[in-house]
Amino acid sequence: LANLYRDGADKVDWHADDEQVLGLTPIIASVSLGTSRKFRMRRKDRSLTTTDIVLNSGDVLIMRGSTQQLWEHEVPRSKVVKEPRVNLTFRKVMPTG
């Protein structure tokens, strides 16, 4: 998947990549290119505070194991971000049948 964030107005709301076709414990790799953006994580049960990670150009974020079962993530809006960012996400789709 390729996502373009034109500036800080573009965002992705809270979600988990927990689609059935990804399997129970998917491995998801995300490559950031362009301007830095905040990547935010929180537990689905809200038992912990939100964790913010700044992803810079060239950074690779890997989510695996029970991450998608227990956590959700977002890329929030930012008034200070004026430059674009491209995010490349790699996910393995499990065969059906």
C-alpha atoms as a PDB file:
ATOM      1  CA  LEU A   1       0.000   0.000   0.000  1.00  0.00           C
ATOM      2  CA  ALA A   2       1.187   3.541  -0.700  1.00  0.00           C
ATOM      3  CA  ASN A   3      -0.243   6.529   1.150  1.00  0.00           C
ATOM      4  CA  LEU A   4       0.506  10.163   0.361  1.00  0.00           C
ATOM      5  CA  TYR A   5       0.203  12.726   3.129  1.00  0.00           C
ATOM      6  CA  ARG A   6       0.311  16.056   1.261  1.00  0.00           C
ATOM      7  CA  ASP A   7       0.874  18.063   4.448  1.00  0.00           C
ATOM      8  CA  GLY A   8      -0.124  18.053   8.116  1.00  0.00           C
ATOM      9  CA  ALA A   9      -3.828  18.281   7.276  1.00  0.00           C
ATOM     10  CA  ASP A  10      -3.772  14.711   5.933  1.00  0.00           C
ATOM     11  CA  LYS A  11      -4.165  12.059   8.613  1.00  0.00           C
ATOM     12  CA  VAL A  12      -5.175   8.482   9.339  1.00  0.00           C
ATOM     13  CA  ASP A  13      -7.638   7.865  12.172  1.00  0.00           C
ATOM     14  CA  TRP A  14      -7.225   5.298  14.942  1.00  0.00           C
ATOM     15  CA  HIS A  15      -7.339   1.737  13.600  1.00  0.00           C
ATOM     16  CA  ALA A  16      -5.717  -1.689  13.726  1.00  0.00           C
ATOM     17  CA  ASP A  17      -4.675  -3.688  10.686  1.00  0.00           C
ATOM     18  CA  ASP A  18      -6.616  -6.695  11.924  1.00  0.00           C
ATOM     19  CA  GLU A  19      -8.374  -7.840   8.777  1.00  0.00           C
ATOM     20  CA  GLN A  20      -8.944 -11.599   8.688  1.00  0.00           C
ATOM     21  CA  VAL A  21      -6.946 -11.985   5.439  1.00  0.00           C
ATOM     22  CA  LEU A  22      -3.799 -10.852   7.304  1.00  0.00           C
ATOM     23  CA  GLY A  23      -3.928 -13.768   9.747  1.00  0.00           C
ATOM     24  CA  LEU A  24      -3.932 -13.782  13.560  1.00  0.00           C
ATOM     25  CA  THR A  25      -0.459 -12.316  14.040  1.00  0.00           C
ATOM     26  CA  PRO A  26       0.383 -10.297  10.931  1.00  0.00           C
ATOM     27  CA  ILE A  27       3.775  -8.781  10.252  1.00  0.00           C
ATOM     28  CA  ILE A  28       3.413  -5.272   8.875  1.00  0.00           C
ATOM     29  CA  ALA A  29       6.359  -3.178   7.705  1.00  0.00           C
ATOM     30  CA  SER A  30       5.974   0.533   7.112  1.00  0.00           C
ATOM     31  CA  VAL A  31       8.585   2.693   5.331  1.00  0.00           C
ATOM     32  CA  SER A  32       8.435   6.484   5.738  1.00  0.00           C
ATOM     33  CA  LEU A  33       9.704   8.810   3.009  1.00  0.00           C
ATOM     34  CA  GLY A  34       9.663  12.595   3.074  1.00  0.00           C
ATOM     35  CA  THR A  35       8.900  14.870   5.989  1.00  0.00           C
ATOM     36  CA  SER A  36       8.793  13.578   9.565  1.00  0.00           C
ATOM     37  CA  ARG A  37       5.398  12.700  11.027  1.00  0.00           C
ATOM     38  CA  LYS A  38       4.117  11.585  14.385  1.00  0.00           C
ATOM     39  CA  PHE A  39       2.898   7.978  14.599  1.00  0.00           C
ATOM     40  CA  ARG A  40       0.736   7.389  17.660  1.00  0.00           C
ATOM     41  CA  MET A  41      -0.117   4.076  19.351  1.00  0.00           C
ATOM     42  CA  ARG A  42      -2.510   3.176  22.166  1.00  0.00           C
ATOM     43  CA  ARG A  43      -3.805  -0.034  23.659  1.00  0.00           C
ATOM     44  CA  LYS A  44      -7.302  -0.937  22.521  1.00  0.00           C
ATOM     45  CA  ASP A  45      -8.407  -1.271  26.154  1.00  0.00           C
ATOM     46  CA  ARG A  46      -6.973   2.227  26.864  1.00  0.00           C
ATOM     47  CA  SER A  47      -5.057   0.829  29.875  1.00  0.00           C
ATOM     48  CA  LEU A  48      -1.904   2.782  28.999  1.00  0.00           C
ATOM     49  CA  THR A  49      -1.237   6.310  27.874  1.00  0.00           C
ATOM     50  CA  THR A  50      -0.720   7.048  24.203  1.00  0.00           C
ATOM     51  CA  THR A  51       2.789   6.488  22.833  1.00  0.00           C
ATOM     52  CA  ASP A  52       4.120   8.876  20.195  1.00  0.00           C
ATOM     53  CA  ILE A  53       6.889   7.911  17.772  1.00  0.00           C
ATOM     54  CA  VAL A  54       8.373  10.383  15.292  1.00  0.00           C
ATOM     55  CA  LEU A  55       8.973   8.652  11.973  1.00  0.00           C
ATOM     56  CA  ASN A  56      11.664  10.310   9.865  1.00  0.00           C
ATOM     57  CA  SER A  57      12.441   9.788   6.190  1.00  0.00           C
ATOM     58  CA  GLY A  58      13.967   6.344   5.704  1.00  0.00           C
ATOM     59  CA  ASP A  59      12.625   4.933   8.977  1.00  0.00           C
ATOM     60  CA  VAL A  60      11.107   1.454   8.964  1.00  0.00           C
ATOM     61  CA  LEU A  61       8.440   0.564  11.515  1.00  0.00           C
ATOM     62  CA  ILE A  62       7.599  -3.107  12.026  1.00  0.00           C
ATOM     63  CA  MET A  63       4.485  -4.266  13.848  1.00  0.00           C
ATOM     64  CA  ARG A  64       4.220  -7.984  14.535  1.00  0.00           C
ATOM     65  CA  GLY A  65       2.937 -10.596  16.933  1.00  0.00           C
ATOM     66  CA  SER A  66      -0.153  -9.476  18.845  1.00  0.00           C
ATOM     67  CA  THR A  67       0.303  -5.780  18.005  1.00  0.00           C
ATOM     68  CA  GLN A  68      -2.841  -5.590  15.854  1.00  0.00           C
ATOM     69  CA  GLN A  69      -4.895  -7.544  18.414  1.00  0.00           C
ATOM     70  CA  LEU A  70      -3.915  -5.349  21.374  1.00  0.00           C
ATOM     71  CA  TRP A  71      -3.031  -1.952  19.914  1.00  0.00           C
ATOM     72  CA  GLU A  72      -4.367   0.613  17.475  1.00  0.00           C
ATOM     73  CA  HIS A  73      -2.496   3.401  15.749  1.00  0.00           C
ATOM     74  CA  GLU A  74      -2.969   6.701  13.922  1.00  0.00           C
ATOM     75  CA  VAL A  75      -1.115   9.455  12.113  1.00  0.00           C
ATOM     76  CA  PRO A  76      -2.644  12.618  13.618  1.00  0.00           C
ATOM     77  CA  ARG A  77      -3.058  16.006  11.980  1.00  0.00           C
ATOM     78  CA  SER A  78      -0.240  18.494  12.518  1.00  0.00           C
ATOM     79  CA  LYS A  79      -0.443  22.249  12.033  1.00  0.00           C
ATOM     80  CA  VAL A  80       3.352  22.553  11.765  1.00  0.00           C
ATOM     81  CA  VAL A  81       3.890  20.000   8.963  1.00  0.00           C
ATOM     82  CA  LYS A  82       3.945  21.708   5.552  1.00  0.00           C
ATOM     83  CA  GLU A  83       5.806  19.138   3.421  1.00  0.00           C
ATOM     84  CA  PRO A  84       4.624  15.796   1.978  1.00  0.00           C
ATOM     85  CA  ARG A  85       5.263  12.304   3.291  1.00  0.00           C
ATOM     86  CA  VAL A  86       4.820   8.976   1.544  1.00  0.00           C
ATOM     87  CA  ASN A  87       4.260   5.835   3.556  1.00  0.00           C
ATOM     88  CA  LEU A  88       4.812   2.416   1.985  1.00  0.00           C
ATOM     89  CA  THR A  89       3.132  -0.393   3.918  1.00  0.00           C
ATOM     90  CA  PHE A  90       3.934  -4.045   3.283  1.00  0.00           C
ATOM     91  CA  ARG A  91       1.447  -6.676   4.473  1.00  0.00           C
ATOM     92  CA  LYS A  92       1.261 -10.373   3.688  1.00  0.00           C
ATOM     93  CA  VAL A  93      -2.201 -11.554   2.700  1.00  0.00           C
ATOM     94  CA  MET A  94      -2.920 -15.127   3.760  1.00  0.00           C
ATOM     95  CA  PRO A  95      -4.275 -17.554   1.145  1.00  0.00           C
ATOM     96  CA  THR A  96      -7.942 -18.447   1.502  1.00  0.00           C
ATOM     97  CA  GLY A  97      -9.540 -21.831   1.152  1.00  0.00           C
END
